[in-house]
């Protein structure tokens, strides 16, 4: 019977539908209305490499890890800072990177290297940024110069109009909305991106319940990068 055991073990894993929890809307990474976006396409194509089918499920951000813990989904786009290992999580390689930077108008000639450099400046950021970067943003908040706005197109507009001195945003999200506004004829001014924190790849990784599907995803992601398809997905949304 050894040959039968070998045959069973050598058979490929059957293609599976993988339900994955995503945040409700994160342009250009996720567009729920069309099941598209950089993150959706990268994860979907990486899973398809081994025949799996991505089935996105959309939740308010706070519910994403909860959906995994309550077994409503097979996977999540991220643990959003909560260790899901006790709930059967198998962490994959990062599918996308969020690179938050401080963005200012070039004409202002601002240099932001330390939290103290934000003193006296007005800052607009995405929801939850103050909680994530308290050292930088809490003093600005206490001074009454801080505002959070989930519609990140408004961040671009208000910076261009001089209503805020600094935008804290992921550089790709800011670029996406800038390109959309440019297509609409909105006047854009040159900006400077000022890094203030280092990317930690472990901060944002897909989570799978099935370790084999996680491995299949990693293999597909590697193939996407080697083939150039990974960059092509980014270019689709971010290249003029």
Protein backbone atom coordinates (compact mmCIF):
# COMPACT_ATOMS: atom_id res chain seq x y z
CA UNK A 1 0.00 0.00 0.00
CA UNK A 2 3.02 2.30 0.07
CA UNK A 3 2.48 3.22 -3.57
CA UNK A 4 -1.09 4.35 -2.76
CA UNK A 5 0.14 6.57 0.10
CA UNK A 6 2.76 8.10 -2.19
CA UNK A 7 0.13 8.73 -4.87
CA UNK A 8 -2.21 10.50 -2.44
CA UNK A 9 0.59 12.66 -1.03
CA UNK A 10 1.83 13.61 -4.50
CA UNK A 11 -1.55 14.76 -5.78
CA UNK A 12 -1.87 18.57 -6.02
CA UNK A 13 -4.15 20.32 -3.56
CA UNK A 14 -7.58 20.80 -5.09
CA UNK A 15 -8.29 24.35 -6.15
CA UNK A 16 -10.19 26.18 -3.44
CA UNK A 17 -12.34 29.26 -3.13
CA UNK A 18 -10.63 31.49 -0.60
CA UNK A 19 -12.86 34.00 1.15
CA UNK A 20 -10.73 36.92 2.36
CA UNK A 21 -11.65 39.93 4.48
CA UNK A 22 -10.73 43.34 3.06
CA UNK A 23 -11.34 46.88 4.24
CA UNK A 24 -14.33 48.60 2.68
CA UNK A 25 -12.47 51.02 0.40
CA UNK A 26 -8.77 51.85 -0.03
CA UNK A 27 -8.13 53.37 -3.48
CA UNK A 28 -6.06 52.38 -5.41
CA UNK A 29 -5.53 49.18 -3.44
CA UNK A 30 -9.13 48.08 -3.12
CA UNK A 31 -12.35 49.01 -4.99
CA UNK A 32 -15.21 46.90 -3.56
CA UNK A 33 -17.72 47.92 -6.21
CA UNK A 34 -15.64 46.29 -8.96
CA UNK A 35 -13.56 43.77 -6.95
CA UNK A 36 -10.47 45.47 -8.33
CA UNK A 37 -7.46 47.44 -7.16
CA UNK A 38 -3.76 46.75 -6.63
CA UNK A 39 -4.18 44.60 -3.54
CA UNK A 40 -7.17 42.65 -4.84
CA UNK A 41 -5.44 41.90 -8.14
CA UNK A 42 -2.07 40.95 -6.62
CA UNK A 43 -3.64 38.58 -4.09
CA UNK A 44 -6.13 37.18 -6.61
CA UNK A 45 -3.49 36.46 -9.25
CA UNK A 46 -1.05 35.02 -6.70
CA UNK A 47 -3.70 32.58 -5.52
CA UNK A 48 -4.69 31.73 -9.10
CA UNK A 49 -1.12 30.53 -9.77
CA UNK A 50 -2.06 27.28 -7.98
CA UNK A 51 -5.66 27.34 -9.16
CA UNK A 52 -7.30 28.99 -6.15
CA UNK A 53 -10.04 31.59 -6.53
CA UNK A 54 -10.15 34.72 -4.39
CA UNK A 55 -13.59 35.66 -3.04
CA UNK A 56 -13.33 39.12 -1.42
CA UNK A 57 -15.53 40.01 1.55
CA UNK A 58 -15.63 43.65 2.65
CA UNK A 59 -15.82 44.88 6.23
CA UNK A 60 -15.25 48.06 8.23
CA UNK A 61 -11.55 48.02 9.09
CA UNK A 62 -12.08 47.18 12.76
CA UNK A 63 -14.05 44.08 11.73
CA UNK A 64 -11.36 42.61 9.45
CA UNK A 65 -9.48 40.62 12.16
CA UNK A 66 -12.77 39.86 13.93
CA UNK A 67 -14.10 38.20 10.78
CA UNK A 68 -11.11 35.84 10.83
CA UNK A 69 -11.39 35.09 14.55
CA UNK A 70 -15.09 34.31 14.15
CA UNK A 71 -14.34 32.04 11.17
CA UNK A 72 -16.46 34.11 8.79
CA UNK A 73 -13.60 34.04 6.26
CA UNK A 74 -10.66 31.83 5.31
CA UNK A 75 -8.16 34.69 5.23
CA UNK A 76 -7.67 38.41 5.79
CA UNK A 77 -5.69 41.08 3.96
CA UNK A 78 -3.91 41.88 7.25
CA UNK A 79 -4.16 41.34 10.99
CA UNK A 80 -4.24 45.16 11.42
CA UNK A 81 -1.82 44.94 14.32
CA UNK A 82 -3.47 42.08 16.21
CA UNK A 83 -1.62 38.75 16.43
CA UNK A 84 -4.02 36.17 14.96
CA UNK A 85 -1.72 33.18 15.51
CA UNK A 86 -3.82 31.90 18.46
CA UNK A 87 -6.79 31.77 16.07
CA UNK A 88 -5.10 29.54 13.51
CA UNK A 89 -3.42 32.22 11.41
CA UNK A 90 -0.63 31.38 8.98
CA UNK A 91 1.17 34.54 7.88
CA UNK A 92 2.16 35.00 4.24
CA UNK A 93 4.68 37.25 2.53
CA UNK A 94 3.52 40.88 2.13
CA UNK A 95 1.32 41.35 -0.94
CA UNK A 96 1.58 45.16 -0.96
CA UNK A 97 3.35 47.82 1.06
CA UNK A 98 1.91 50.93 2.64
CA UNK A 99 4.59 53.61 2.79
CA UNK A 100 3.34 56.55 4.85
CA UNK A 101 5.21 59.81 4.34
CA UNK A 102 4.81 63.49 5.18
CA UNK A 103 3.95 65.43 2.03
CA UNK A 104 4.46 69.17 1.64
CA UNK A 105 4.43 71.68 -1.18
CA UNK A 106 7.91 72.12 -2.63
CA UNK A 107 7.42 75.89 -2.60
CA UNK A 108 7.18 75.84 1.21
CA UNK A 109 10.73 74.48 1.53
CA UNK A 110 9.84 72.64 4.76
CA UNK A 111 12.20 70.10 6.31
CA UNK A 112 10.53 67.55 8.59
CA UNK A 113 13.08 65.33 10.29
CA UNK A 114 11.87 65.33 13.91
CA UNK A 115 8.43 65.56 15.56
CA UNK A 116 9.41 69.04 16.77
CA UNK A 117 9.56 70.18 13.14
CA UNK A 118 5.75 69.98 12.94
CA UNK A 119 5.34 72.65 15.62
CA UNK A 120 3.10 75.44 14.37
CA UNK A 121 2.14 73.52 11.21
CA UNK A 122 -1.31 72.21 10.32
CA UNK A 123 -1.51 68.51 9.44
CA UNK A 124 -4.20 66.45 7.70
CA UNK A 125 -3.98 62.64 7.83
CA UNK A 126 -6.01 59.48 7.36
CA UNK A 127 -8.29 58.18 10.11
CA UNK A 128 -6.34 56.57 12.95
CA UNK A 129 -2.99 58.12 12.05
CA UNK A 130 -2.66 59.88 15.42
CA UNK A 131 -3.08 56.55 17.19
CA UNK A 132 -0.42 54.97 14.98
CA UNK A 133 2.10 57.80 15.20
CA UNK A 134 1.50 59.47 18.58
CA UNK A 135 5.05 60.78 18.96
CA UNK A 136 4.67 62.84 15.79
CA UNK A 137 1.01 63.74 15.85
CA UNK A 138 -0.14 64.02 19.46
CA UNK A 139 1.56 67.44 20.01
CA UNK A 140 -0.01 68.71 16.78
CA UNK A 141 -3.39 67.43 17.93
CA UNK A 142 -3.06 69.10 21.34
CA UNK A 143 -2.21 72.38 19.62
CA UNK A 144 -5.45 72.16 17.62
CA UNK A 145 -3.61 71.89 14.31
CA UNK A 146 -4.51 68.32 13.43
CA UNK A 147 -7.37 66.90 11.35
CA UNK A 148 -8.21 63.41 10.08
CA UNK A 149 -10.02 62.83 6.79
CA UNK A 150 -10.87 59.41 5.40
CA UNK A 151 -11.54 60.78 1.89
CA UNK A 152 -7.93 61.08 0.83
CA UNK A 153 -8.76 62.97 -2.36
CA UNK A 154 -9.66 65.86 -0.06
CA UNK A 155 -6.17 65.64 1.43
CA UNK A 156 -4.65 66.36 -1.97
CA UNK A 157 -7.05 69.22 -2.68
CA UNK A 158 -6.55 70.96 0.66
CA UNK A 159 -2.76 70.73 0.40
CA UNK A 160 -2.82 72.25 -3.09
CA UNK A 161 -5.08 75.06 -1.89
CA UNK A 162 -2.83 75.81 1.08
CA UNK A 163 -5.43 74.97 3.70
CA UNK A 164 -3.02 72.55 5.40
CA UNK A 165 0.75 72.60 5.58
CA UNK A 166 1.34 68.84 5.71
CA UNK A 167 -0.41 65.70 4.49
CA UNK A 168 0.37 62.35 6.10
CA UNK A 169 -0.49 59.69 3.54
CA UNK A 170 0.69 56.56 1.84
CA UNK A 171 2.71 57.81 -1.13
CA UNK A 172 0.86 55.56 -3.62
CA UNK A 173 -2.57 56.62 -2.37
CA UNK A 174 -1.57 60.28 -2.65
CA UNK A 175 -0.19 59.69 -6.14
CA UNK A 176 -3.36 57.89 -7.25
CA UNK A 177 -5.65 60.73 -6.19
CA UNK A 178 -3.27 63.31 -7.65
CA UNK A 179 -3.49 61.53 -11.02
CA UNK A 180 -7.28 61.40 -10.82
CA UNK A 181 -7.48 65.12 -10.06
CA UNK A 182 -5.04 65.91 -12.87
CA UNK A 183 -7.30 64.09 -15.33
CA UNK A 184 -10.14 66.33 -14.11
CA UNK A 185 -8.09 69.46 -14.78
CA UNK A 186 -7.46 70.26 -11.11
CA UNK A 187 -4.26 72.35 -10.79
CA UNK A 188 -1.48 70.44 -9.04
CA UNK A 189 1.67 71.91 -7.54
CA UNK A 190 5.03 70.11 -7.07
CA UNK A 191 5.32 68.29 -3.75
CA UNK A 192 8.06 66.81 -1.59
CA UNK A 193 7.70 63.41 0.12
CA UNK A 194 9.48 63.31 3.47
CA UNK A 195 9.93 59.88 5.07
CA UNK A 196 9.50 59.84 8.84
CA UNK A 197 9.27 56.13 9.58
CA UNK A 198 10.69 52.90 8.14
CA UNK A 199 8.56 50.25 6.47
CA UNK A 200 8.33 47.03 8.45
CA UNK A 201 7.22 44.26 6.03
CA UNK A 202 5.77 42.32 8.96
CA UNK A 203 3.31 45.12 9.73
CA UNK A 204 1.05 44.25 6.83
CA UNK A 205 0.86 40.61 5.73
CA UNK A 206 -2.03 38.48 4.44
CA UNK A 207 -3.22 35.82 6.85
CA UNK A 208 -4.51 32.39 5.83
CA UNK A 209 -6.15 29.67 7.87
CA UNK A 210 -4.83 26.88 5.63
CA UNK A 211 -1.01 26.65 5.64
CA UNK A 212 -0.97 24.97 2.21
CA UNK A 213 -2.96 27.78 0.64
CA UNK A 214 -0.57 30.23 2.33
CA UNK A 215 2.35 28.40 0.72
CA UNK A 216 0.59 28.39 -2.65
CA UNK A 217 0.00 32.12 -2.31
CA UNK A 218 3.67 32.75 -1.53
CA UNK A 219 4.68 30.74 -4.60
CA UNK A 220 2.28 32.72 -6.77
CA UNK A 221 3.47 36.04 -5.37
CA UNK A 222 7.08 35.10 -6.11
CA UNK A 223 6.11 34.23 -9.67
CA UNK A 224 4.26 37.54 -10.12
CA UNK A 225 7.37 39.47 -9.11
CA UNK A 226 9.75 37.42 -11.23
CA UNK A 227 7.54 37.74 -14.32
CA UNK A 228 7.08 41.51 -14.03
CA UNK A 229 3.35 41.13 -13.60
CA UNK A 230 3.52 42.52 -10.03
CA UNK A 231 4.94 45.83 -11.25
CA UNK A 232 2.48 45.88 -14.14
CA UNK A 233 -0.43 45.79 -11.68
CA UNK A 234 1.01 48.77 -9.81
CA UNK A 235 1.62 50.64 -13.09
CA UNK A 236 -1.97 50.06 -14.16
CA UNK A 237 -3.18 52.31 -11.35
CA UNK A 238 -0.25 54.65 -10.75
CA UNK A 239 1.40 55.37 -14.11
CA UNK A 240 0.40 58.38 -16.19
